[in-house]
Amino acid sequence: PNEEEAKAVIQPHGWEIWDIAQAFSDMGCRFIVIKCGSRGQYAWDSDSHSRFLIPAYPARVMDVYGAGDAYCGGFLVGLDQTGDIVEAALRGSVSASIVIEGTGAYYALDALPELAEARLESLRPAVKRV
């Protein structure tokens, strides 16, 4: 979920993001990612109790329609390919960054694979373990 959705699901209001992630973990979720748009994502692997701040790629925003879906798609493919929550979250961030730089359902299909890889490489050093 995004931050607003996560706060709406988990009561009481006023909890910090990591408290909300813990509540989702208590429901049986292994990987919890709370999306915060241009502020990036909070990612938690409940098995290892590892928490990460994942940056958003600083894209030129044209249209945010479909960004959440692109994030989720990139995340799931990344998780399937790597099994790593950080790599999955980075791939979700990159997928969303490409989608928001254009308009229309097919815009991202024209992106070169090298663009996604370059964005991944630029974001990896900015991941913070907390």
N, C-alpha and C. Protein backbone atom coordinates (compact mmCIF):
# COMPACT_ATOMS: atom_id res chain seq x y z
N PRO A 1 0.83 -1.20 0.00
CA PRO A 1 0.00 0.00 0.00
C PRO A 1 0.87 1.26 0.00
N ASN A 2 0.24 2.38 -0.34
CA ASN A 2 0.95 3.63 -0.15
C ASN A 2 0.77 4.06 1.31
N GLU A 3 1.43 5.12 1.71
CA GLU A 3 1.41 5.53 3.12
C GLU A 3 0.00 5.82 3.61
N GLU A 4 -0.77 6.52 2.82
CA GLU A 4 -2.15 6.86 3.21
C GLU A 4 -3.01 5.60 3.38
N GLU A 5 -2.89 4.67 2.44
CA GLU A 5 -3.66 3.42 2.53
C GLU A 5 -3.24 2.60 3.74
N ALA A 6 -1.95 2.54 4.00
CA ALA A 6 -1.45 1.77 5.15
C ALA A 6 -1.99 2.34 6.45
N LYS A 7 -2.00 3.67 6.55
CA LYS A 7 -2.50 4.30 7.77
C LYS A 7 -4.00 4.10 7.93
N ALA A 8 -4.72 4.02 6.82
CA ALA A 8 -6.17 3.81 6.88
C ALA A 8 -6.50 2.38 7.33
N VAL A 9 -5.66 1.42 6.96
CA VAL A 9 -5.91 0.03 7.32
C VAL A 9 -5.54 -0.24 8.78
N ILE A 10 -4.41 0.28 9.19
CA ILE A 10 -3.89 0.01 10.53
C ILE A 10 -4.28 1.14 11.47
N GLN A 11 -5.02 0.80 12.47
CA GLN A 11 -5.45 1.77 13.48
C GLN A 11 -4.66 1.49 14.75
N PRO A 12 -4.39 2.35 15.67
CA PRO A 12 -4.87 3.72 15.70
C PRO A 12 -4.00 4.63 14.84
N HIS A 13 -4.60 5.75 14.45
CA HIS A 13 -3.86 6.75 13.69
C HIS A 13 -2.77 7.34 14.58
N GLY A 14 -1.74 7.82 13.96
CA GLY A 14 -0.64 8.39 14.71
C GLY A 14 0.54 7.47 14.86
N TRP A 15 0.39 6.20 14.47
CA TRP A 15 1.51 5.27 14.53
C TRP A 15 2.57 5.69 13.52
N GLU A 16 3.79 5.39 13.84
CA GLU A 16 4.90 5.61 12.91
C GLU A 16 4.88 4.51 11.83
N ILE A 17 5.55 4.79 10.73
CA ILE A 17 5.57 3.85 9.60
C ILE A 17 6.05 2.47 10.02
N TRP A 18 7.11 2.39 10.81
CA TRP A 18 7.63 1.07 11.18
C TRP A 18 6.66 0.33 12.09
N ASP A 19 5.87 1.05 12.89
CA ASP A 19 4.82 0.40 13.69
C ASP A 19 3.75 -0.21 12.78
N ILE A 20 3.42 0.51 11.73
CA ILE A 20 2.44 0.02 10.76
C ILE A 20 2.99 -1.22 10.04
N ALA A 21 4.25 -1.16 9.65
CA ALA A 21 4.88 -2.31 9.00
C ALA A 21 4.87 -3.52 9.93
N GLN A 22 5.14 -3.30 11.21
CA GLN A 22 5.11 -4.39 12.19
C GLN A 22 3.71 -4.99 12.27
N ALA A 23 2.69 -4.15 12.23
CA ALA A 23 1.31 -4.64 12.28
C ALA A 23 1.00 -5.52 11.07
N PHE A 24 1.45 -5.12 9.88
CA PHE A 24 1.27 -5.96 8.70
C PHE A 24 2.04 -7.27 8.86
N SER A 25 3.23 -7.18 9.43
CA SER A 25 4.03 -8.37 9.67
C SER A 25 3.31 -9.32 10.62
N ASP A 26 2.69 -8.77 11.65
CA ASP A 26 1.95 -9.59 12.61
C ASP A 26 0.77 -10.31 11.96
N MET A 27 0.32 -9.80 10.80
CA MET A 27 -0.77 -10.45 10.07
C MET A 27 -0.25 -11.58 9.18
N GLY A 28 1.07 -11.79 9.16
CA GLY A 28 1.64 -12.89 8.40
C GLY A 28 2.39 -12.51 7.15
N CYS A 29 2.52 -11.22 6.87
CA CYS A 29 3.24 -10.79 5.68
C CYS A 29 4.74 -10.85 5.92
N ARG A 30 5.47 -11.47 5.02
CA ARG A 30 6.92 -11.50 5.16
C ARG A 30 7.54 -10.20 4.68
N PHE A 31 7.15 -9.76 3.49
CA PHE A 31 7.70 -8.53 2.93
C PHE A 31 6.65 -7.44 3.02
N ILE A 32 7.03 -6.33 3.60
CA ILE A 32 6.12 -5.19 3.71
C ILE A 32 6.82 -4.01 3.04
N VAL A 33 6.12 -3.40 2.10
CA VAL A 33 6.62 -2.19 1.44
C VAL A 33 5.52 -1.15 1.53
N ILE A 34 5.88 0.00 2.04
CA ILE A 34 4.94 1.12 2.10
C ILE A 34 5.50 2.20 1.19
N LYS A 35 4.73 2.50 0.13
CA LYS A 35 5.17 3.44 -0.90
C LYS A 35 4.85 4.87 -0.46
N CYS A 36 5.80 5.76 -0.71
CA CYS A 36 5.64 7.17 -0.33
C CYS A 36 5.93 8.10 -1.49
N GLY A 37 5.58 7.68 -2.70
CA GLY A 37 5.75 8.54 -3.88
C GLY A 37 7.18 9.01 -4.07
N SER A 38 7.35 10.30 -4.24
CA SER A 38 8.68 10.85 -4.50
C SER A 38 9.61 10.74 -3.30
N ARG A 39 9.07 10.39 -2.13
CA ARG A 39 9.90 10.19 -0.94
C ARG A 39 10.43 8.76 -0.83
N GLY A 40 10.11 7.91 -1.80
CA GLY A 40 10.63 6.55 -1.81
C GLY A 40 9.72 5.56 -1.12
N GLN A 41 10.33 4.51 -0.57
CA GLN A 41 9.56 3.44 0.06
C GLN A 41 10.25 2.98 1.33
N TYR A 42 9.43 2.48 2.24
CA TYR A 42 9.90 1.80 3.43
C TYR A 42 9.73 0.31 3.14
N ALA A 43 10.78 -0.45 3.33
CA ALA A 43 10.72 -1.89 3.03
C ALA A 43 11.20 -2.67 4.25
N TRP A 44 10.47 -3.72 4.58
CA TRP A 44 10.80 -4.53 5.75
C TRP A 44 10.67 -6.00 5.40
N ASP A 45 11.72 -6.75 5.71
CA ASP A 45 11.70 -8.21 5.62
C ASP A 45 11.48 -8.70 7.04
N SER A 46 10.29 -9.19 7.33
CA SER A 46 9.96 -9.57 8.71
C SER A 46 10.72 -10.81 9.18
N ASP A 47 11.14 -11.68 8.25
CA ASP A 47 11.92 -12.86 8.66
C ASP A 47 13.27 -12.47 9.24
N SER A 48 13.94 -11.53 8.61
CA SER A 48 15.27 -11.12 9.07
C SER A 48 15.23 -9.85 9.92
N HIS A 49 14.05 -9.29 10.08
CA HIS A 49 13.87 -8.02 10.81
C HIS A 49 14.73 -6.91 10.22
N SER A 50 14.89 -6.94 8.91
CA SER A 50 15.69 -5.94 8.20
C SER A 50 14.77 -4.84 7.67
N ARG A 51 15.16 -3.60 7.92
CA ARG A 51 14.37 -2.45 7.48
C ARG A 51 15.23 -1.58 6.57
N PHE A 52 14.60 -1.09 5.49
CA PHE A 52 15.33 -0.31 4.50
C PHE A 52 14.53 0.90 4.07
N LEU A 53 15.24 1.97 3.76
CA LEU A 53 14.66 3.12 3.08
C LEU A 53 15.15 3.06 1.65
N ILE A 54 14.20 2.95 0.73
CA ILE A 54 14.51 2.81 -0.69
C ILE A 54 14.17 4.13 -1.37
N PRO A 55 15.11 4.74 -2.07
CA PRO A 55 14.82 6.03 -2.70
C PRO A 55 13.95 5.89 -3.94
N ALA A 56 13.27 6.96 -4.26
CA ALA A 56 12.56 7.05 -5.54
C ALA A 56 13.53 7.66 -6.55
N TYR A 57 13.45 7.23 -7.78
CA TYR A 57 14.29 7.83 -8.81
C TYR A 57 13.74 9.22 -9.11
N PRO A 58 14.59 10.24 -9.18
CA PRO A 58 14.12 11.61 -9.42
C PRO A 58 13.71 11.84 -10.88
N ALA A 59 12.57 11.32 -11.24
CA ALA A 59 12.09 11.37 -12.62
C ALA A 59 11.43 12.72 -12.93
N ARG A 60 11.34 13.02 -14.21
CA ARG A 60 10.61 14.19 -14.70
C ARG A 60 9.14 13.77 -14.81
N VAL A 61 8.31 14.26 -13.94
CA VAL A 61 6.92 13.80 -13.87
C VAL A 61 6.08 14.45 -14.96
N MET A 62 5.50 13.58 -15.79
CA MET A 62 4.54 14.02 -16.81
C MET A 62 3.12 13.59 -16.41
N ASP A 63 3.00 12.36 -15.92
CA ASP A 63 1.69 11.80 -15.59
C ASP A 63 1.90 10.65 -14.61
N VAL A 64 1.32 10.75 -13.42
CA VAL A 64 1.53 9.71 -12.41
C VAL A 64 0.56 8.54 -12.56
N TYR A 65 -0.37 8.63 -13.50
CA TYR A 65 -1.32 7.55 -13.71
C TYR A 65 -0.59 6.26 -14.06
N GLY A 66 -0.84 5.22 -13.29
CA GLY A 66 -0.23 3.92 -13.53
C GLY A 66 1.08 3.70 -12.78
N ALA A 67 1.55 4.71 -12.05
CA ALA A 67 2.83 4.57 -11.34
C ALA A 67 2.76 3.47 -10.29
N GLY A 68 1.68 3.39 -9.55
CA GLY A 68 1.55 2.36 -8.52
C GLY A 68 1.53 0.96 -9.11
N ASP A 69 0.81 0.81 -10.21
CA ASP A 69 0.77 -0.50 -10.88
C ASP A 69 2.15 -0.87 -11.42
N ALA A 70 2.85 0.12 -12.00
CA ALA A 70 4.19 -0.14 -12.52
C ALA A 70 5.13 -0.51 -11.39
N TYR A 71 5.01 0.18 -10.25
CA TYR A 71 5.84 -0.15 -9.10
C TYR A 71 5.60 -1.60 -8.69
N CYS A 72 4.34 -1.97 -8.53
CA CYS A 72 4.02 -3.33 -8.07
C CYS A 72 4.51 -4.37 -9.06
N GLY A 73 4.36 -4.11 -10.35
CA GLY A 73 4.85 -5.05 -11.36
C GLY A 73 6.35 -5.21 -11.30
N GLY A 74 7.07 -4.09 -11.24
CA GLY A 74 8.52 -4.15 -11.14
C GLY A 74 8.98 -4.84 -9.87
N PHE A 75 8.27 -4.56 -8.76
CA PHE A 75 8.61 -5.19 -7.49
C PHE A 75 8.44 -6.70 -7.57
N LEU A 76 7.31 -7.15 -8.09
CA LEU A 76 7.04 -8.59 -8.14
C LEU A 76 8.01 -9.33 -9.06
N VAL A 77 8.33 -8.74 -10.19
CA VAL A 77 9.31 -9.36 -11.08
C VAL A 77 10.68 -9.41 -10.39
N GLY A 78 11.04 -8.30 -9.74
CA GLY A 78 12.31 -8.27 -9.02
C GLY A 78 12.37 -9.29 -7.91
N LEU A 79 11.28 -9.44 -7.18
CA LEU A 79 11.24 -10.42 -6.09
C LEU A 79 11.34 -11.83 -6.64
N ASP A 80 10.64 -12.10 -7.74
CA ASP A 80 10.69 -13.42 -8.37
C ASP A 80 12.10 -13.73 -8.87
N GLN A 81 12.75 -12.75 -9.48
CA GLN A 81 14.06 -12.99 -10.07
C GLN A 81 15.18 -13.04 -9.05
N THR A 82 15.05 -12.28 -7.95
CA THR A 82 16.18 -12.18 -7.01
C THR A 82 15.87 -12.71 -5.62
N GLY A 83 14.61 -12.73 -5.21
CA GLY A 83 14.26 -13.13 -3.86
C GLY A 83 14.67 -12.12 -2.80
N ASP A 84 15.10 -10.95 -3.23
CA ASP A 84 15.63 -9.93 -2.34
C ASP A 84 14.71 -8.71 -2.31
N ILE A 85 14.26 -8.32 -1.12
CA ILE A 85 13.31 -7.21 -1.01
C ILE A 85 13.92 -5.88 -1.49
N VAL A 86 15.20 -5.67 -1.25
CA VAL A 86 15.82 -4.41 -1.68
C VAL A 86 15.87 -4.34 -3.20
N GLU A 87 16.34 -5.40 -3.85
CA GLU A 87 16.37 -5.41 -5.32
C GLU A 87 14.97 -5.28 -5.89
N ALA A 88 14.01 -5.94 -5.28
CA ALA A 88 12.63 -5.85 -5.75
C ALA A 88 12.11 -4.43 -5.63
N ALA A 89 12.35 -3.79 -4.50
CA ALA A 89 11.88 -2.41 -4.30
C ALA A 89 12.58 -1.44 -5.25
N LEU A 90 13.85 -1.66 -5.51
CA LEU A 90 14.56 -0.81 -6.46
C LEU A 90 13.97 -0.96 -7.86
N ARG A 91 13.66 -2.18 -8.25
CA ARG A 91 13.08 -2.40 -9.58
C ARG A 91 11.68 -1.80 -9.67
N GLY A 92 10.94 -1.85 -8.58
CA GLY A 92 9.65 -1.19 -8.56
C GLY A 92 9.79 0.31 -8.72
N SER A 93 10.74 0.89 -8.03
CA SER A 93 10.99 2.32 -8.11
C SER A 93 11.38 2.73 -9.53
N VAL A 94 12.25 1.96 -10.14
CA VAL A 94 12.68 2.26 -11.52
C VAL A 94 11.50 2.11 -12.49
N SER A 95 10.71 1.07 -12.34
CA SER A 95 9.55 0.88 -13.21
C SER A 95 8.60 2.07 -13.13
N ALA A 96 8.32 2.50 -11.92
CA ALA A 96 7.43 3.65 -11.74
C ALA A 96 8.03 4.91 -12.33
N SER A 97 9.35 5.08 -12.18
CA SER A 97 9.99 6.30 -12.70
C SER A 97 9.88 6.40 -14.22
N ILE A 98 9.93 5.29 -14.89
CA ILE A 98 9.83 5.30 -16.35
C ILE A 98 8.40 5.62 -16.76
N VAL A 99 7.42 5.04 -16.09
CA VAL A 99 6.02 5.26 -16.43
C VAL A 99 5.61 6.73 -16.26
N ILE A 100 6.06 7.37 -15.19
CA ILE A 100 5.61 8.74 -14.92
C ILE A 100 6.26 9.78 -15.82
N GLU A 101 7.26 9.39 -16.58
CA GLU A 101 7.90 10.34 -17.48
C GLU A 101 7.19 10.48 -18.82
N GLY A 102 6.11 9.75 -19.02
CA GLY A 102 5.36 9.85 -20.26
C GLY A 102 3.88 9.75 -20.00
N THR A 103 3.13 9.58 -21.04
CA THR A 103 1.69 9.41 -20.91
C THR A 103 1.24 8.24 -21.77
N GLY A 104 0.16 7.64 -21.35
CA GLY A 104 -0.41 6.55 -22.12
C GLY A 104 0.06 5.19 -21.65
N ALA A 105 -0.77 4.21 -21.92
CA ALA A 105 -0.55 2.86 -21.44
C ALA A 105 0.70 2.20 -22.02
N TYR A 106 1.16 2.63 -23.17
CA TYR A 106 2.27 1.95 -23.84
C TYR A 106 3.59 2.72 -23.77
N TYR A 107 3.59 3.86 -23.11
CA TYR A 107 4.80 4.70 -23.08
C TYR A 107 6.03 3.92 -22.61
N ALA A 108 5.92 3.21 -21.51
CA ALA A 108 7.07 2.53 -20.92
C ALA A 108 7.62 1.41 -21.81
N LEU A 109 6.81 0.89 -22.70
CA LEU A 109 7.26 -0.20 -23.57
C LEU A 109 8.39 0.23 -24.50
N ASP A 110 8.49 1.53 -24.75
CA ASP A 110 9.54 2.03 -25.64
C ASP A 110 10.85 2.34 -24.91
N ALA A 111 10.87 2.18 -23.60
CA ALA A 111 12.09 2.47 -22.83
C ALA A 111 13.16 1.43 -23.13
N LEU A 112 14.36 1.88 -23.28
CA LEU A 112 15.48 0.97 -23.53
C LEU A 112 15.85 0.23 -22.25
N PRO A 113 16.17 -1.05 -22.35
CA PRO A 113 16.58 -1.80 -21.15
C PRO A 113 17.77 -1.17 -20.43
N GLU A 114 18.64 -0.53 -21.18
CA GLU A 114 19.80 0.12 -20.58
C GLU A 114 19.39 1.26 -19.66
N LEU A 115 18.26 1.90 -19.94
CA LEU A 115 17.76 2.99 -19.09
C LEU A 115 17.41 2.45 -17.71
N ALA A 116 16.69 1.36 -17.66
CA ALA A 116 16.31 0.77 -16.39
C ALA A 116 17.55 0.33 -15.61
N GLU A 117 18.51 -0.29 -16.28
CA GLU A 117 19.73 -0.73 -15.60
C GLU A 117 20.53 0.45 -15.06
N ALA A 118 20.62 1.52 -15.82
CA ALA A 118 21.36 2.71 -15.37
C ALA A 118 20.69 3.31 -14.14
N ARG A 119 19.37 3.33 -14.13
CA ARG A 119 18.65 3.87 -12.98
C ARG A 119 18.84 2.97 -11.75
N LEU A 120 18.82 1.68 -11.94
CA LEU A 120 19.09 0.76 -10.83
C LEU A 120 20.46 1.03 -10.22
N GLU A 121 21.45 1.15 -11.08
CA GLU A 121 22.82 1.39 -10.62
C GLU A 121 22.94 2.72 -9.86
N SER A 122 22.18 3.72 -10.31
CA SER A 122 22.27 5.02 -9.63
C SER A 122 21.56 5.02 -8.28
N LEU A 123 20.55 4.17 -8.11
CA LEU A 123 19.80 4.12 -6.85
C LEU A 123 20.41 3.22 -5.80
N ARG A 124 21.07 2.16 -6.20
CA ARG A 124 21.59 1.18 -5.23
C ARG A 124 22.41 1.81 -4.10
N PRO A 125 23.34 2.73 -4.40
CA PRO A 125 24.13 3.30 -3.30
C PRO A 125 23.32 4.15 -2.31
N ALA A 126 22.14 4.58 -2.71
CA ALA A 126 21.32 5.45 -1.86
C ALA A 126 20.40 4.68 -0.91
N VAL A 127 20.36 3.35 -1.02
CA VAL A 127 19.53 2.55 -0.11
C VAL A 127 20.12 2.65 1.28
N LYS A 128 19.25 2.83 2.27
CA LYS A 128 19.71 2.92 3.66
C LYS A 128 19.08 1.81 4.47
N ARG A 129 19.92 1.11 5.19
CA ARG A 129 19.43 0.11 6.15
C ARG A 129 19.22 0.83 7.47
N VAL A 130 18.04 0.64 8.05
CA VAL A 130 17.75 1.34 9.32
C VAL A 130 17.42 0.34 10.42
